[in-house]
Amino acid sequence: MRLESKEWTLDDLWTLPDPEMLVEGFIEEGSCKFISGPSKTGKSFFSLRLAAAVSGGTDFFGHATKQGNVLYLAAERSELMKRRTLALVKSNIPIDKDHFKVWPSPVMFSQRDQVETFVNSLRTTPDLLIVDTLRRCNDGDERDNEHMGRWCEGIEYFRDLTGSSVLVVHHDHKAGIDKFGRKMDTSFSGAGALLGYLDGYFAVKTQNDGSVVVRNEGENERSDFKIYARIHNVDISPKMSTGIMVQINESSSATKPNLAILAIEVLGDQELSRKEWHRQCVADERIVMHWPKLNASSLSTVAKEHADKITSRKFGKEVLFSVA
């Protein structure tokens, strides 16, 4: 039995149409990629900004997008999507109601019948599916290469049935160190099958100044995609607030304002307890912009490092700060 010839000449190859970009430098149409990072670094905030940009065909942190239908599979704390989408609207970040949908429950992609049921249940075929998170949509051991191979095949099966691009949100190892104390070659949690099956891997890393950088860590076709960002708090109502991801020019200690100087401006000539100083600093937008994870301990460190400007003394169990 002879197979039908599928030999391509170079002319055949060179006349194949190039894949269209859904997000310039980041996601091609029909690709399956994933991002990972430690807990609380802003992976979901990044993914939601991406979803909003594609839904409206608007700029995504300086990268052009092609408008399309977006389905956000919010398998992890889907109730937070209300405040997070409202925060985008309140911050004048475009999100198109007709092209943005939320699926509020997990789908086990390792099971083909579940993938088919999921696809058949959709009222609109998405151009981009965001799976947030892998862990919530996984019914097996993420350290098992064979199982994770099936899981990735399920993602590809969804892509093949719908023509959708897929972005999977994943977690990092707690410390990037294995049980023998060795540094991991890759920081994402679980089996390396993810890299072998999916088209690209982008990492979300926290910087020393509290900002984050999202960059390409491994991809079939390398790109120089990199954004610097931070989490900005948005008040939705007197009793409700959340964060959104906003872009900054660059994460650099050289351009970072001096925390001691800003703290002195907050303190004035007052003598305040550490708790009260912390409360005032957290309420000051200039400080939170650059130190979103500000805590009492970090303020104590600043006081020690700048003893010529700020003094601290023990008063019972409390610490008092004052301008020198």
C-alpha atoms as a PDB file:
ATOM      1  CA  MET A   1       0.000   0.000   0.000  1.00  0.00           C
ATOM      2  CA  ARG A   2       1.356   3.402  -0.990  1.00  0.00           C
ATOM      3  CA  LEU A   3       0.726   6.533   1.029  1.00  0.00           C
ATOM      4  CA  GLU A   4      -0.514   9.649  -0.681  1.00  0.00           C
ATOM      5  CA  SER A   5       2.516  11.833  -1.294  1.00  0.00           C
ATOM      6  CA  LYS A   6       2.858  14.694   1.183  1.00  0.00           C
ATOM      7  CA  GLU A   7       6.366  15.767   0.291  1.00  0.00           C
ATOM      8  CA  TRP A   8       6.649  19.543   0.396  1.00  0.00           C
ATOM      9  CA  THR A   9       9.135  21.403  -1.732  1.00  0.00           C
ATOM     10  CA  LEU A  10      10.736  24.564  -0.398  1.00  0.00           C
ATOM     11  CA  ASP A  11       8.412  26.525  -2.673  1.00  0.00           C
ATOM     12  CA  ASP A  12       5.455  24.720  -1.047  1.00  0.00           C
ATOM     13  CA  LEU A  13       6.766  25.654   2.395  1.00  0.00           C
ATOM     14  CA  TRP A  14       7.470  29.254   1.502  1.00  0.00           C
ATOM     15  CA  THR A  15       3.992  29.808   0.117  1.00  0.00           C
ATOM     16  CA  LEU A  16       2.223  28.540   3.256  1.00  0.00           C
ATOM     17  CA  PRO A  17       0.285  31.368   4.942  1.00  0.00           C
ATOM     18  CA  ASP A  18       1.886  32.807   8.068  1.00  0.00           C
ATOM     19  CA  PRO A  19      -0.105  32.373  11.312  1.00  0.00           C
ATOM     20  CA  GLU A  20      -1.973  35.487  12.356  1.00  0.00           C
ATOM     21  CA  MET A  21      -1.157  36.998  15.724  1.00  0.00           C
ATOM     22  CA  LEU A  22      -3.909  37.264  18.313  1.00  0.00           C
ATOM     23  CA  VAL A  23      -1.556  39.277  20.536  1.00  0.00           C
ATOM     24  CA  GLU A  24       1.561  40.734  18.926  1.00  0.00           C
ATOM     25  CA  GLY A  25       4.702  38.924  20.080  1.00  0.00           C
ATOM     26  CA  PHE A  26       2.777  36.749  22.530  1.00  0.00           C
ATOM     27  CA  ILE A  27      -0.045  34.549  21.196  1.00  0.00           C
ATOM     28  CA  GLU A  28      -0.559  33.267  17.663  1.00  0.00           C
ATOM     29  CA  GLU A  29      -3.950  32.066  16.506  1.00  0.00           C
ATOM     30  CA  GLY A  30      -4.324  28.380  17.321  1.00  0.00           C
ATOM     31  CA  SER A  31      -1.419  28.249  19.787  1.00  0.00           C
ATOM     32  CA  CYS A  32      -1.434  26.710  23.281  1.00  0.00           C
ATOM     33  CA  LYS A  33       0.778  28.452  25.842  1.00  0.00           C
ATOM     34  CA  PHE A  34       1.060  28.794  29.596  1.00  0.00           C
ATOM     35  CA  ILE A  35       2.243  31.300  32.158  1.00  0.00           C
ATOM     36  CA  SER A  36       3.393  30.493  35.668  1.00  0.00           C
ATOM     37  CA  GLY A  37       4.535  32.315  38.746  1.00  0.00           C
ATOM     38  CA  PRO A  38       4.477  32.153  42.544  1.00  0.00           C
ATOM     39  CA  SER A  39       1.212  32.703  44.388  1.00  0.00           C
ATOM     40  CA  LYS A  40      -0.016  36.293  44.652  1.00  0.00           C
ATOM     41  CA  THR A  41       2.267  37.672  41.929  1.00  0.00           C
ATOM     42  CA  GLY A  42      -0.546  38.811  39.639  1.00  0.00           C
ATOM     43  CA  LYS A  43      -0.980  35.938  37.148  1.00  0.00           C
ATOM     44  CA  SER A  44      -4.764  36.276  37.169  1.00  0.00           C
ATOM     45  CA  PHE A  45      -4.602  40.080  36.961  1.00  0.00           C
ATOM     46  CA  PHE A  46      -2.303  39.742  33.927  1.00  0.00           C
ATOM     47  CA  SER A  47      -4.624  37.179  32.314  1.00  0.00           C
ATOM     48  CA  LEU A  48      -7.698  39.326  32.889  1.00  0.00           C
ATOM     49  CA  ARG A  49      -6.021  42.357  31.285  1.00  0.00           C
ATOM     50  CA  LEU A  50      -5.169  40.104  28.337  1.00  0.00           C
ATOM     51  CA  ALA A  51      -8.776  38.906  28.097  1.00  0.00           C
ATOM     52  CA  ALA A  52     -10.088  42.470  28.204  1.00  0.00           C
ATOM     53  CA  ALA A  53      -7.680  43.616  25.486  1.00  0.00           C
ATOM     54  CA  VAL A  54      -8.530  40.772  23.082  1.00  0.00           C
ATOM     55  CA  SER A  55     -12.270  41.185  23.718  1.00  0.00           C
ATOM     56  CA  GLY A  56     -12.070  44.748  22.438  1.00  0.00           C
ATOM     57  CA  GLY A  57      -9.096  44.454  20.075  1.00  0.00           C
ATOM     58  CA  THR A  58      -7.315  47.119  22.133  1.00  0.00           C
ATOM     59  CA  ASP A  59      -3.676  47.644  23.082  1.00  0.00           C
ATOM     60  CA  PHE A  60      -2.218  45.126  25.555  1.00  0.00           C
ATOM     61  CA  PHE A  61       0.702  46.734  27.383  1.00  0.00           C
ATOM     62  CA  GLY A  62       2.061  48.125  24.122  1.00  0.00           C
ATOM     63  CA  HIS A  63       1.239  45.042  22.011  1.00  0.00           C
ATOM     64  CA  ALA A  64      -1.438  45.130  19.318  1.00  0.00           C
ATOM     65  CA  THR A  65      -4.305  42.620  19.541  1.00  0.00           C
ATOM     66  CA  LYS A  66      -6.833  41.175  17.129  1.00  0.00           C
ATOM     67  CA  GLN A  67     -10.395  41.366  18.455  1.00  0.00           C
ATOM     68  CA  GLY A  68     -11.997  38.031  19.197  1.00  0.00           C
ATOM     69  CA  ASN A  69     -14.296  36.120  21.525  1.00  0.00           C
ATOM     70  CA  VAL A  70     -12.684  35.395  24.892  1.00  0.00           C
ATOM     71  CA  LEU A  71     -13.783  32.726  27.357  1.00  0.00           C
ATOM     72  CA  TYR A  72     -12.249  33.032  30.822  1.00  0.00           C
ATOM     73  CA  LEU A  73     -12.448  29.676  32.599  1.00  0.00           C
ATOM     74  CA  ALA A  74     -12.402  30.946  36.191  1.00  0.00           C
ATOM     75  CA  ALA A  75     -11.945  27.628  37.966  1.00  0.00           C
ATOM     76  CA  GLU A  76     -10.258  29.260  40.956  1.00  0.00           C
ATOM     77  CA  ARG A  77     -12.480  31.528  43.062  1.00  0.00           C
ATOM     78  CA  SER A  78     -14.794  32.538  40.235  1.00  0.00           C
ATOM     79  CA  GLU A  79     -16.727  34.832  42.594  1.00  0.00           C
ATOM     80  CA  LEU A  80     -13.796  37.265  42.425  1.00  0.00           C
ATOM     81  CA  MET A  81     -14.468  37.904  38.737  1.00  0.00           C
ATOM     82  CA  LYS A  82     -17.253  40.345  39.582  1.00  0.00           C
ATOM     83  CA  ARG A  83     -15.053  42.791  41.451  1.00  0.00           C
ATOM     84  CA  ARG A  84     -12.088  42.286  39.103  1.00  0.00           C
ATOM     85  CA  THR A  85     -14.055  43.090  35.965  1.00  0.00           C
ATOM     86  CA  LEU A  86     -15.737  46.044  37.695  1.00  0.00           C
ATOM     87  CA  ALA A  87     -12.272  47.317  38.648  1.00  0.00           C
ATOM     88  CA  LEU A  88     -11.268  47.344  34.975  1.00  0.00           C
ATOM     89  CA  VAL A  89     -14.404  49.289  34.044  1.00  0.00           C
ATOM     90  CA  LYS A  90     -13.856  51.771  36.868  1.00  0.00           C
ATOM     91  CA  SER A  91     -10.262  52.252  35.717  1.00  0.00           C
ATOM     92  CA  ASN A  92     -11.431  53.001  32.144  1.00  0.00           C
ATOM     93  CA  ILE A  93      -9.829  49.844  30.763  1.00  0.00           C
ATOM     94  CA  PRO A  94     -11.951  48.689  27.793  1.00  0.00           C
ATOM     95  CA  ILE A  95     -13.675  45.320  28.066  1.00  0.00           C
ATOM     96  CA  ASP A  96     -16.219  44.329  25.402  1.00  0.00           C
ATOM     97  CA  LYS A  97     -19.349  42.744  26.890  1.00  0.00           C
ATOM     98  CA  ASP A  98     -20.270  41.045  23.604  1.00  0.00           C
ATOM     99  CA  HIS A  99     -16.888  39.328  23.235  1.00  0.00           C
ATOM    100  CA  PHE A 100     -16.066  38.475  26.861  1.00  0.00           C
ATOM    101  CA  LYS A 101     -17.578  35.493  28.706  1.00  0.00           C
ATOM    102  CA  VAL A 102     -16.789  33.708  31.978  1.00  0.00           C
ATOM    103  CA  TRP A 103     -17.090  29.954  32.620  1.00  0.00           C
ATOM    104  CA  PRO A 104     -17.277  29.627  36.435  1.00  0.00           C
ATOM    105  CA  SER A 105     -16.436  25.939  36.980  1.00  0.00           C
ATOM    106  CA  PRO A 106     -13.541  23.527  36.303  1.00  0.00           C
ATOM    107  CA  VAL A 107     -13.134  21.336  33.221  1.00  0.00           C
ATOM    108  CA  MET A 108     -10.959  18.213  33.483  1.00  0.00           C
ATOM    109  CA  PHE A 109      -8.965  18.379  30.264  1.00  0.00           C
ATOM    110  CA  SER A 110      -7.391  14.941  30.779  1.00  0.00           C
ATOM    111  CA  GLN A 111     -10.829  13.435  30.021  1.00  0.00           C
ATOM    112  CA  ARG A 112     -11.781  13.725  26.354  1.00  0.00           C
ATOM    113  CA  ASP A 113     -15.479  13.223  27.023  1.00  0.00           C
ATOM    114  CA  GLN A 114     -15.419  16.231  29.378  1.00  0.00           C
ATOM    115  CA  VAL A 115     -13.677  18.306  26.734  1.00  0.00           C
ATOM    116  CA  GLU A 116     -16.330  17.345  24.159  1.00  0.00           C
ATOM    117  CA  THR A 117     -19.167  18.091  26.613  1.00  0.00           C
ATOM    118  CA  PHE A 118     -17.554  21.448  27.385  1.00  0.00           C
ATOM    119  CA  VAL A 119     -17.235  22.368  23.693  1.00  0.00           C
ATOM    120  CA  ASN A 120     -20.816  21.279  22.927  1.00  0.00           C
ATOM    121  CA  SER A 121     -22.097  23.393  25.842  1.00  0.00           C
ATOM    122  CA  LEU A 122     -20.568  26.629  24.561  1.00  0.00           C
ATOM    123  CA  ARG A 123     -22.935  29.164  23.043  1.00  0.00           C
ATOM    124  CA  THR A 124     -20.066  31.036  21.386  1.00  0.00           C
ATOM    125  CA  THR A 125     -16.839  29.552  20.045  1.00  0.00           C
ATOM    126  CA  PRO A 126     -13.923  31.393  21.690  1.00  0.00           C
ATOM    127  CA  ASP A 127     -10.916  32.727  19.829  1.00  0.00           C
ATOM    128  CA  LEU A 128      -9.039  32.683  23.139  1.00  0.00           C
ATOM    129  CA  LEU A 129      -9.603  30.379  26.116  1.00  0.00           C
ATOM    130  CA  ILE A 130      -7.888  31.288  29.388  1.00  0.00           C
ATOM    131  CA  VAL A 131      -7.678  28.380  31.872  1.00  0.00           C
ATOM    132  CA  ASP A 132      -7.225  29.748  35.394  1.00  0.00           C
ATOM    133  CA  THR A 133      -5.765  27.563  36.836  1.00  0.00           C
ATOM    134  CA  LEU A 134      -4.265  24.244  35.667  1.00  0.00           C
ATOM    135  CA  ARG A 135      -4.411  22.890  39.206  1.00  0.00           C
ATOM    136  CA  ARG A 136      -8.171  23.445  39.473  1.00  0.00           C
ATOM    137  CA  CYS A 137      -8.776  21.766  36.103  1.00  0.00           C
ATOM    138  CA  ASN A 138      -6.621  18.728  36.805  1.00  0.00           C
ATOM    139  CA  ASP A 139      -7.849  15.434  38.259  1.00  0.00           C
ATOM    140  CA  GLY A 140      -4.456  13.733  38.556  1.00  0.00           C
ATOM    141  CA  ASP A 141      -0.886  14.117  39.747  1.00  0.00           C
ATOM    142  CA  GLU A 142       0.705  17.127  38.048  1.00  0.00           C
ATOM    143  CA  ARG A 143       4.123  15.556  38.701  1.00  0.00           C
ATOM    144  CA  ASP A 144       3.233  12.541  36.515  1.00  0.00           C
ATOM    145  CA  ASN A 145       4.520  13.052  32.958  1.00  0.00           C
ATOM    146  CA  GLU A 146       2.131  10.474  31.484  1.00  0.00           C
ATOM    147  CA  HIS A 147      -0.911  12.055  33.096  1.00  0.00           C
ATOM    148  CA  MET A 148       0.177  15.590  32.220  1.00  0.00           C
ATOM    149  CA  GLY A 149       0.782  14.436  28.656  1.00  0.00           C
ATOM    150  CA  ARG A 150      -2.892  13.407  28.492  1.00  0.00           C
ATOM    151  CA  TRP A 151      -3.862  16.709  30.077  1.00  0.00           C
ATOM    152  CA  CYS A 152      -1.953  18.696  27.453  1.00  0.00           C
ATOM    153  CA  GLU A 153      -3.473  16.528  24.707  1.00  0.00           C
ATOM    154  CA  GLY A 154      -6.868  17.523  26.100  1.00  0.00           C
ATOM    155  CA  ILE A 155      -5.938  21.197  25.734  1.00  0.00           C
ATOM    156  CA  GLU A 156      -4.819  20.530  22.155  1.00  0.00           C
ATOM    157  CA  TYR A 157      -8.042  18.579  21.525  1.00  0.00           C
ATOM    158  CA  PHE A 158     -10.047  21.613  22.642  1.00  0.00           C
ATOM    159  CA  ARG A 159      -7.936  23.766  20.311  1.00  0.00           C
ATOM    160  CA  ASP A 160      -8.495  21.379  17.389  1.00  0.00           C
ATOM    161  CA  LEU A 161     -12.265  21.226  17.961  1.00  0.00           C
ATOM    162  CA  THR A 162     -12.690  24.995  18.238  1.00  0.00           C
ATOM    163  CA  GLY A 163      -9.720  26.611  16.490  1.00  0.00           C
ATOM    164  CA  SER A 164      -9.168  28.581  19.695  1.00  0.00           C
ATOM    165  CA  SER A 165      -5.876  29.772  21.136  1.00  0.00           C
ATOM    166  CA  VAL A 166      -5.367  28.663  24.741  1.00  0.00           C
ATOM    167  CA  LEU A 167      -3.486  30.260  27.638  1.00  0.00           C
ATOM    168  CA  VAL A 168      -3.088  28.138  30.787  1.00  0.00           C
ATOM    169  CA  VAL A 169      -2.363  29.806  34.142  1.00  0.00           C
ATOM    170  CA  HIS A 170      -0.136  27.704  36.377  1.00  0.00           C
ATOM    171  CA  HIS A 171       1.716  27.878  39.699  1.00  0.00           C
ATOM    172  CA  ASP A 172       5.423  27.789  40.473  1.00  0.00           C
ATOM    173  CA  HIS A 173       7.144  25.502  42.925  1.00  0.00           C
ATOM    174  CA  LYS A 174       7.062  27.068  46.368  1.00  0.00           C
ATOM    175  CA  ALA A 175      10.750  27.876  46.277  1.00  0.00           C
ATOM    176  CA  GLY A 176      12.053  26.517  42.984  1.00  0.00           C
ATOM    177  CA  ILE A 177      14.041  23.947  44.984  1.00  0.00           C
ATOM    178  CA  ASP A 178      13.555  20.180  44.774  1.00  0.00           C
ATOM    179  CA  LYS A 179      13.491  17.789  47.744  1.00  0.00           C
ATOM    180  CA  PHE A 180      17.273  17.337  47.509  1.00  0.00           C
ATOM    181  CA  GLY A 181      17.905  21.046  47.833  1.00  0.00           C
ATOM    182  CA  ARG A 182      18.801  21.552  44.173  1.00  0.00           C
ATOM    183  CA  LYS A 183      17.631  24.510  42.130  1.00  0.00           C
ATOM    184  CA  MET A 184      14.964  23.558  39.578  1.00  0.00           C
ATOM    185  CA  ASP A 185      15.758  23.951  35.875  1.00  0.00           C
ATOM    186  CA  THR A 186      12.235  25.291  35.462  1.00  0.00           C
ATOM    187  CA  SER A 187      10.290  27.097  38.135  1.00  0.00           C
ATOM    188  CA  PHE A 188       6.791  25.899  37.232  1.00  0.00           C
ATOM    189  CA  SER A 189       5.220  23.174  39.322  1.00  0.00           C
ATOM    190  CA  GLY A 190       4.815  19.618  38.093  1.00  0.00           C
ATOM    191  CA  ALA A 191       5.942  17.508  35.152  1.00  0.00           C
ATOM    192  CA  GLY A 192       8.113  18.792  32.338  1.00  0.00           C
ATOM    193  CA  ALA A 193       5.561  17.455  29.830  1.00  0.00           C
ATOM    194  CA  LEU A 194       4.070  20.951  29.796  1.00  0.00           C
ATOM    195  CA  LEU A 195       7.108  22.279  27.976  1.00  0.00           C
ATOM    196  CA  GLY A 196       7.142  19.383  25.532  1.00  0.00           C
ATOM    197  CA  TYR A 197       3.481  19.648  24.551  1.00  0.00           C
ATOM    198  CA  LEU A 198       2.551  23.306  24.758  1.00  0.00           C
ATOM    199  CA  ASP A 199       3.948  25.989  22.461  1.00  0.00           C
ATOM    200  CA  GLY A 200       5.409  28.422  24.940  1.00  0.00           C
ATOM    201  CA  TYR A 201       6.084  29.261  28.566  1.00  0.00           C
ATOM    202  CA  PHE A 202       5.994  32.749  30.062  1.00  0.00           C
ATOM    203  CA  ALA A 203       7.031  33.487  33.646  1.00  0.00           C
ATOM    204  CA  VAL A 204       5.668  36.061  36.094  1.00  0.00           C
ATOM    205  CA  LYS A 205       8.435  37.096  38.497  1.00  0.00           C
ATOM    206  CA  THR A 206       8.345  39.465  41.464  1.00  0.00           C
ATOM    207  CA  GLN A 207      11.099  42.082  41.580  1.00  0.00           C
ATOM    208  CA  ASN A 208      12.799  43.523  44.666  1.00  0.00           C
ATOM    209  CA  ASP A 209      10.799  46.741  44.405  1.00  0.00           C
ATOM    210  CA  GLY A 210       7.467  44.874  44.482  1.00  0.00           C
ATOM    211  CA  SER A 211       6.797  45.164  40.737  1.00  0.00           C
ATOM    212  CA  VAL A 212       6.539  42.152  38.436  1.00  0.00           C
ATOM    213  CA  VAL A 213       8.053  41.279  35.087  1.00  0.00           C
ATOM    214  CA  VAL A 214       6.346  38.931  32.605  1.00  0.00           C
ATOM    215  CA  ARG A 215       8.735  37.506  30.029  1.00  0.00           C
ATOM    216  CA  ASN A 216       9.308  34.668  27.594  1.00  0.00           C
ATOM    217  CA  GLU A 217      11.077  31.724  29.265  1.00  0.00           C
ATOM    218  CA  GLY A 218      10.706  29.030  26.590  1.00  0.00           C
ATOM    219  CA  GLU A 219       8.952  28.898  23.248  1.00  0.00           C
ATOM    220  CA  ASN A 220       9.015  27.059  19.942  1.00  0.00           C
ATOM    221  CA  GLU A 221       9.678  30.396  18.251  1.00  0.00           C
ATOM    222  CA  ARG A 222      11.498  32.833  20.496  1.00  0.00           C
ATOM    223  CA  SER A 223      10.163  36.336  21.001  1.00  0.00           C
ATOM    224  CA  ASP A 224      11.356  39.255  23.060  1.00  0.00           C
ATOM    225  CA  PHE A 225       7.982  39.661  24.794  1.00  0.00           C
ATOM    226  CA  LYS A 226       8.559  41.338  28.155  1.00  0.00           C
ATOM    227  CA  ILE A 227       6.436  43.714  30.206  1.00  0.00           C
ATOM    228  CA  TYR A 228       7.048  45.443  33.523  1.00  0.00           C
ATOM    229  CA  ALA A 229       3.981  45.962  35.677  1.00  0.00           C
ATOM    230  CA  ARG A 230       2.634  46.392  39.181  1.00  0.00           C
ATOM    231  CA  ILE A 231      -0.635  45.693  40.982  1.00  0.00           C
ATOM    232  CA  HIS A 232      -2.735  48.798  41.546  1.00  0.00           C
ATOM    233  CA  ASN A 233      -5.537  48.730  44.112  1.00  0.00           C
ATOM    234  CA  VAL A 234      -8.994  49.886  42.994  1.00  0.00           C
ATOM    235  CA  ASP A 235     -11.900  50.684  45.341  1.00  0.00           C
ATOM    236  CA  ILE A 236     -15.106  49.300  43.864  1.00  0.00           C
ATOM    237  CA  SER A 237     -17.280  50.447  46.757  1.00  0.00           C
ATOM    238  CA  PRO A 238     -16.739  51.459  50.394  1.00  0.00           C
ATOM    239  CA  LYS A 239     -16.640  47.754  51.289  1.00  0.00           C
ATOM    240  CA  MET A 240     -15.110  46.229  48.170  1.00  0.00           C
ATOM    241  CA  SER A 241     -11.714  46.619  46.518  1.00  0.00           C
ATOM    242  CA  THR A 242      -9.385  44.574  44.349  1.00  0.00           C
ATOM    243  CA  GLY A 243      -6.294  44.926  42.202  1.00  0.00           C
ATOM    244  CA  ILE A 244      -5.624  45.420  38.523  1.00  0.00           C
ATOM    245  CA  MET A 245      -2.345  45.049  36.664  1.00  0.00           C
ATOM    246  CA  VAL A 246      -0.934  48.272  35.222  1.00  0.00           C
ATOM    247  CA  GLN A 247       2.179  48.757  33.140  1.00  0.00           C
ATOM    248  CA  ILE A 248       5.269  50.629  34.300  1.00  0.00           C
ATOM    249  CA  ASN A 249       8.195  51.678  32.125  1.00  0.00           C
ATOM    250  CA  GLU A 250      10.796  49.509  33.802  1.00  0.00           C
ATOM    251  CA  SER A 251      11.507  47.804  37.094  1.00  0.00           C
ATOM    252  CA  SER A 252      14.681  49.404  38.401  1.00  0.00           C
ATOM    253  CA  SER A 253      15.951  50.315  41.856  1.00  0.00           C
ATOM    254  CA  ALA A 254      17.689  53.273  40.217  1.00  0.00           C
ATOM    255  CA  THR A 255      14.336  54.823  39.327  1.00  0.00           C
ATOM    256  CA  LYS A 256      12.607  53.746  42.524  1.00  0.00           C
ATOM    257  CA  PRO A 257      11.822  56.584  44.951  1.00  0.00           C
ATOM    258  CA  ASN A 258      13.511  56.379  48.318  1.00  0.00           C
ATOM    259  CA  LEU A 259      11.137  54.747  50.774  1.00  0.00           C
ATOM    260  CA  ALA A 260      12.670  56.610  53.690  1.00  0.00           C
ATOM    261  CA  ILE A 261      12.025  59.998  52.061  1.00  0.00           C
ATOM    262  CA  LEU A 262       8.396  59.145  51.298  1.00  0.00           C
ATOM    263  CA  ALA A 263       7.885  57.711  54.768  1.00  0.00           C
ATOM    264  CA  ILE A 264       9.241  60.903  56.339  1.00  0.00           C
ATOM    265  CA  GLU A 265       6.754  62.907  54.289  1.00  0.00           C
ATOM    266  CA  VAL A 266       4.003  60.704  55.670  1.00  0.00           C
ATOM    267  CA  LEU A 267       5.321  60.949  59.227  1.00  0.00           C
ATOM    268  CA  GLY A 268       5.956  64.674  59.227  1.00  0.00           C
ATOM    269  CA  ASP A 269       7.138  65.623  62.718  1.00  0.00           C
ATOM    270  CA  GLN A 270       4.821  63.148  64.425  1.00  0.00           C
ATOM    271  CA  GLU A 271       5.762  60.326  66.736  1.00  0.00           C
ATOM    272  CA  LEU A 272       3.765  57.290  65.682  1.00  0.00           C
ATOM    273  CA  SER A 273       3.536  53.653  66.637  1.00  0.00           C
ATOM    274  CA  ARG A 274       4.749  51.183  64.024  1.00  0.00           C
ATOM    275  CA  LYS A 275       1.148  50.052  63.494  1.00  0.00           C
ATOM    276  CA  GLU A 276      -0.053  53.622  62.877  1.00  0.00           C
ATOM    277  CA  TRP A 277       2.896  54.415  60.622  1.00  0.00           C
ATOM    278  CA  HIS A 278       2.150  51.301  58.599  1.00  0.00           C
ATOM    279  CA  ARG A 279      -1.505  52.308  58.298  1.00  0.00           C
ATOM    280  CA  GLN A 280      -0.616  55.775  57.025  1.00  0.00           C
ATOM    281  CA  CYS A 281       1.999  54.508  54.564  1.00  0.00           C
ATOM    282  CA  VAL A 282      -0.377  51.920  53.107  1.00  0.00           C
ATOM    283  CA  ALA A 283      -2.927  54.702  52.571  1.00  0.00           C
ATOM    284  CA  ASP A 284      -0.357  56.776  50.642  1.00  0.00           C
ATOM    285  CA  GLU A 285      -0.606  56.023  46.899  1.00  0.00           C
ATOM    286  CA  ARG A 286       2.988  57.137  46.187  1.00  0.00           C
ATOM    287  CA  ILE A 287       4.309  54.446  48.528  1.00  0.00           C
ATOM    288  CA  VAL A 288       1.928  51.649  47.569  1.00  0.00           C
ATOM    289  CA  MET A 289       2.762  52.258  43.893  1.00  0.00           C
ATOM    290  CA  HIS A 290       6.328  51.078  44.454  1.00  0.00           C
ATOM    291  CA  TRP A 291       5.984  48.908  47.556  1.00  0.00           C
ATOM    292  CA  PRO A 292       2.617  47.114  47.200  1.00  0.00           C
ATOM    293  CA  LYS A 293       3.633  44.488  49.784  1.00  0.00           C
ATOM    294  CA  LEU A 294       4.651  47.041  52.375  1.00  0.00           C
ATOM    295  CA  ASN A 295       4.487  45.703  55.920  1.00  0.00           C
ATOM    296  CA  ALA A 296       5.507  46.729  59.432  1.00  0.00           C
ATOM    297  CA  SER A 297       8.734  44.738  59.207  1.00  0.00           C
ATOM    298  CA  SER A 298       9.897  46.494  56.034  1.00  0.00           C
ATOM    299  CA  LEU A 299       9.206  49.871  57.643  1.00  0.00           C
ATOM    300  CA  SER A 300      11.237  48.864  60.694  1.00  0.00           C
ATOM    301  CA  THR A 301      14.119  47.968  58.377  1.00  0.00           C
ATOM    302  CA  VAL A 302      13.932  51.387  56.721  1.00  0.00           C
ATOM    303  CA  ALA A 303      14.066  53.066  60.113  1.00  0.00           C
ATOM    304  CA  LYS A 304      17.208  51.106  61.042  1.00  0.00           C
ATOM    305  CA  GLU A 305      18.903  51.815  57.701  1.00  0.00           C
ATOM    306  CA  HIS A 306      18.133  55.548  57.903  1.00  0.00           C
ATOM    307  CA  ALA A 307      18.811  56.290  61.542  1.00  0.00           C
ATOM    308  CA  ASP A 308      19.960  59.790  60.555  1.00  0.00           C
ATOM    309  CA  LYS A 309      16.427  60.563  59.362  1.00  0.00           C
ATOM    310  CA  ILE A 310      14.121  58.269  61.316  1.00  0.00           C
ATOM    311  CA  THR A 311      14.431  57.101  64.902  1.00  0.00           C
ATOM    312  CA  SER A 312      12.734  54.166  66.528  1.00  0.00           C
ATOM    313  CA  ARG A 313      12.461  53.200  70.178  1.00  0.00           C
ATOM    314  CA  LYS A 314      10.773  50.530  72.215  1.00  0.00           C
ATOM    315  CA  PHE A 315       7.756  51.510  74.262  1.00  0.00           C
ATOM    316  CA  GLY A 316       6.609  48.412  76.087  1.00  0.00           C
ATOM    317  CA  LYS A 317       5.846  45.857  73.374  1.00  0.00           C
ATOM    318  CA  GLU A 318       5.313  48.528  70.729  1.00  0.00           C
ATOM    319  CA  VAL A 319       7.833  50.306  68.530  1.00  0.00           C
ATOM    320  CA  LEU A 320       7.566  54.074  68.081  1.00  0.00           C
ATOM    321  CA  PHE A 321       8.922  55.973  65.069  1.00  0.00           C
ATOM    322  CA  SER A 322       9.689  59.660  64.776  1.00  0.00           C
ATOM    323  CA  VAL A 323      11.509  61.997  62.398  1.00  0.00           C
ATOM    324  CA  ALA A 324      15.026  62.723  63.664  1.00  0.00           C
END
